[in-house]
Protein backbone atom coordinates (compact mmCIF):
# COMPACT_ATOMS: atom_id res chain seq x y z
CA MET A 1 59.84 110.30 77.88
CA LYS A 2 63.15 108.94 76.35
CA GLN A 3 62.42 110.32 72.89
CA THR A 4 61.50 113.72 74.30
CA TYR A 5 65.03 113.81 76.04
CA VAL A 6 66.84 112.63 72.97
CA LEU A 7 64.80 115.21 70.80
CA ALA A 8 65.60 118.04 73.20
CA LEU A 9 69.33 117.15 73.43
CA LEU A 10 69.66 116.90 69.63
CA ALA A 11 67.71 120.14 69.18
CA SER A 12 70.01 121.93 71.82
CA ILE A 13 73.05 120.61 69.82
CA LEU A 14 72.00 121.61 66.78
CA LEU A 15 71.01 125.18 67.78
CA SER A 16 74.04 125.84 69.66
CA CYS A 17 76.16 125.02 66.78
CA GLY A 18 75.73 128.51 65.05
CA CYS A 19 77.11 129.67 61.82
CA ALA A 20 80.65 130.07 61.29
CA SER A 21 80.67 132.50 58.07
CA ASN A 22 81.93 135.69 58.03
CA LYS A 23 79.76 138.62 56.56
CA SER A 24 82.25 140.86 55.52
CA GLU A 25 83.96 138.44 52.95
CA PRO A 26 82.27 137.32 50.13
CA GLN A 27 81.55 133.43 50.06
CA GLU A 28 83.38 131.47 47.19
CA SER A 29 80.84 129.25 45.47
CA ALA A 30 81.43 125.66 45.57
CA LYS A 31 82.67 124.63 41.75
CA ALA A 32 81.13 121.68 40.48
CA PRO A 33 83.50 118.64 39.47
CA GLN A 34 84.84 118.48 35.87
CA LYS A 35 84.55 115.73 33.48
CA PHE A 36 87.51 113.76 32.63
CA SER A 37 89.88 114.71 29.57
CA THR A 38 92.33 112.14 28.13
CA ALA A 39 95.31 114.20 30.08
CA ASP A 40 93.20 113.87 33.30
CA ILE A 41 92.71 110.36 33.00
CA SER A 42 96.85 109.57 32.42
CA ALA A 43 97.28 112.51 35.36
CA GLY A 44 94.63 110.49 37.67
CA LYS A 45 96.34 107.05 37.02
CA SER A 46 99.82 108.57 38.02
CA LEU A 47 98.34 110.15 41.09
CA SER A 48 96.94 106.55 42.03
CA GLU A 49 100.05 105.21 41.30
CA LYS A 50 102.06 107.31 43.62
CA TYR A 51 99.23 106.97 46.19
CA VAL A 52 99.17 102.87 45.81
CA SER A 53 102.93 102.94 46.16
CA SER A 54 103.13 104.95 49.39
CA LEU A 55 99.96 102.65 50.69
CA VAL A 56 102.00 99.64 50.04
CA LYS A 57 105.20 100.96 51.86
CA ALA A 58 103.02 102.29 54.69
CA ILE A 59 101.03 98.98 55.14
CA GLN A 60 104.42 97.21 54.93
CA ASN A 61 105.88 99.35 57.57
CA ASN A 62 102.90 100.11 59.41
CA ASP A 63 104.05 103.67 58.97
CA PHE A 64 101.11 106.22 58.84
CA LYS A 65 103.32 109.32 57.79
CA GLU A 66 104.00 107.51 54.60
CA ILE A 67 100.41 107.66 53.32
CA SER A 68 99.39 110.95 55.05
CA PRO A 69 100.26 113.31 52.54
CA TYR A 70 97.32 111.74 50.46
CA LEU A 71 94.78 111.97 52.95
CA ASN A 72 94.21 115.53 53.61
CA VAL A 73 95.33 115.30 57.18
CA ASN A 74 94.40 118.34 59.31
CA THR A 75 95.02 118.43 63.16
CA VAL A 76 91.44 118.02 63.77
CA ASN A 77 91.06 114.61 62.01
CA ILE A 78 94.44 113.32 62.34
CA ARG A 79 93.39 110.60 65.06
CA GLN A 80 90.34 109.32 63.32
CA LYS A 81 92.69 109.05 59.91
CA ARG A 82 95.30 107.20 61.87
CA ALA A 83 92.78 104.83 63.66
CA VAL A 84 91.31 104.11 60.31
CA PHE A 85 94.88 103.27 58.71
CA GLU A 86 95.37 101.07 61.73
CA LYS A 87 92.13 99.05 61.31
CA LEU A 88 93.06 98.73 57.58
CA CYS A 89 96.55 97.60 58.33
CA ALA A 90 95.06 94.98 61.25
CA ARG A 91 92.48 93.82 58.62
CA LEU A 92 95.17 93.48 56.00
CA ALA A 93 97.70 91.56 58.16
CA GLN A 94 94.96 88.60 58.57
CA ASN A 95 95.89 87.96 54.67
CA GLY A 96 99.55 87.66 55.31
CA LYS A 97 102.42 90.06 54.11
CA LEU A 98 101.63 92.27 51.20
CA VAL A 99 104.04 91.78 48.68
CA SER A 100 102.87 93.30 45.52
CA ALA A 101 100.17 95.95 43.67
CA SER A 102 99.38 95.77 40.19
CA PHE A 103 96.99 98.15 38.32
CA VAL A 104 93.64 96.65 37.06
CA ALA A 105 91.46 99.13 35.39
CA ALA A 106 90.41 102.73 35.06
CA ILE A 107 86.49 103.04 35.41
CA ASP A 108 84.90 106.11 33.78
CA GLN A 109 82.29 107.31 36.15
CA THR A 110 81.94 110.68 33.98
CA LEU A 111 82.81 112.99 36.64
CA CYS A 112 85.18 110.85 38.37
CA GLN A 113 87.70 107.94 37.46
CA ASP A 114 87.87 104.81 39.89
CA TYR A 115 91.51 103.39 39.64
CA VAL A 116 91.35 99.61 40.41
CA TRP A 117 94.41 97.85 42.31
CA LYS A 118 95.03 94.22 43.04
CA LEU A 119 96.88 94.00 46.08
CA ASP A 120 98.83 90.38 46.80
CA PHE A 121 99.35 88.77 49.64
CA ILE A 122 101.51 85.65 51.03
CA LYS A 123 100.53 84.16 54.37
CA GLN A 124 103.23 81.72 55.63
CA THR A 125 101.55 78.60 57.35
CA SER A 126 102.88 75.86 59.67
CA SER A 127 101.49 72.85 57.13
CA SER A 128 104.19 71.17 55.33
CA GLN A 129 101.70 70.51 52.53
CA LEU A 130 100.66 73.90 52.17
CA PRO A 131 103.55 76.16 53.15
CA GLN A 132 102.13 79.45 51.67
CA ILE A 133 98.62 80.92 51.11
CA LYS A 134 98.40 83.35 48.31
CA THR A 135 95.50 85.74 48.64
CA SER A 136 94.36 88.79 46.22
CA MET A 137 92.25 91.83 46.96
CA LEU A 138 91.08 94.96 45.00
CA TYR A 139 91.75 98.49 45.92
CA SER A 140 89.59 101.10 44.46
CA ILE A 141 90.70 104.87 44.39
CA ARG A 142 88.22 107.21 43.56
CA ILE A 143 89.83 110.55 41.89
CA VAL A 144 87.97 113.68 40.89
CA ILE A 145 89.36 116.89 38.91
CA SER A 146 89.33 119.81 41.19
CA ASP A 147 90.84 123.20 39.99
CA GLY A 148 92.23 121.44 37.01
CA LYS A 149 94.17 118.85 39.16
CA PRO A 150 93.20 115.23 40.21
CA LYS A 151 92.35 114.97 43.68
CA ILE A 152 91.63 111.82 45.68
CA ILE A 153 88.30 111.76 47.12
CA GLY A 154 88.08 108.07 48.38
CA ALA A 155 89.42 104.91 48.63
CA ARG A 156 87.89 101.22 49.59
CA LEU A 157 88.71 97.55 49.67
CA ILE A 158 86.79 95.24 47.61
CA GLN A 159 87.57 91.53 48.95
CA LEU A 160 87.24 88.72 46.00
């Protein structure tokens, strides 16, 4: 009984969604990602540097507006992306204060590039024997070339 109800609910949701295409306008076909050239690799690294610089400022000041230009934020998903940013800040705050970010490597994935950055944290303790705890995390930014320009399509934390 429960499965039938769930399937009926799912079917009604899918059928009520409809199609949003407009038949009067020709639809553009999605362009395939382009392979990276040497110039694209340096442009991607430059974009990742700007992104990480803004990310560090945003985390240090807990300011979503600092990082939002890189997130392709629109009015529909701004709350969701703000919530993800706040969770990231809360997660990173466990490691202490973010003090620096340094470039580690660019990993060629043929149709995209992963730019890996090391984030360094310092946490003050109340112990006189160990007044500071230093930790590091890796942060990876995935970039593709779309319409001849580098574009960030994802980022993630990698804990050491």
